[in-house]
C-alpha cells in the first residue's frame, strides 16, 4: 500500500525529546521551549507544501534458524537474515528479530519531501532545522502507519544496512522517491525503513558486539564475503 501523509496530521506525533537530543538541548528548559516554538512555526509554514510518502506491505513468511523467508509468489522467495545478541539480556535471553516474527511480517518505508530542505539550503540554521524536523517527521509517519514495535534498518537491532537492498527488492523504494547509496543508506536522508513486530513480547534491543565467528556465519547467510558484510554493519 502506498500513500501520503500531511505535516499537520503528523505534527502531534513528533518525538520532541529526540528532536532536542539531536540539537544537544535539554528538554524542559527555556532553550527547548524556544526551539520548539521555532520548529512549530517552521512546520506551519510548510504544512500545505510538504508531504511524507509511505509504503507498507504484509508478507507470509517461514523460519529457517535466525532467518526468515518471505514468500512473494509461487516461484520466488526472499531470504532475510538477522543477527542475534551474543550476550544474554537481563532475563537470560539472546534476542533476535526473527524471535518476534510468526507466520507474517509487515515491512514499511517512509520518506519526507525534500522541499523544506531545498528551500533553506543557503541558511545553515534553517537548513539544519529542516533536516532534523524532516527526520522526526519520517519517524512520526512510521508511527502513524504502523502500530507496534518498529525496528528500523541500520538501528541497533538490525545494524546491517544492506538489508535495505532486500527491502527495496521487495517493495521498490523508488515508488516513494527513495534511492539507495552503495552503502545501503536511503536518500533523501529523511527516510526510514524497517519491520513491524506485533508479537506480544516484541521489544527494542541492541545486538551489541558481533563476534568474528557470528559475522562469518552471518556473511554466509547473507551471501556476502566477510569483508563485504563488515562494510555494511553499523554496530
Foldseek 3Di string as FASTA:
>chain_A
DKDKAFLVVLVVLFDLCVLCVVVVHDPPDPVSVVLVVVLVVLSVVCRPPKIKIKDKDKFFWDDDVQKIWTDPDPPDIDIDHFFWAPAADPVRDTDAPSVQDDGMWMKMKMFMDCVQLVVCVVPVVSNVSSVSVLLRSQVSVCVVVADADWDWDCDQRHQFLCVLVVVCVVPPCVVRPWDADPLNQIPVNSMIITIHGPRPPDDDDGSPDDDLVRLCVVCVVVVHHSVVRVSRGDD
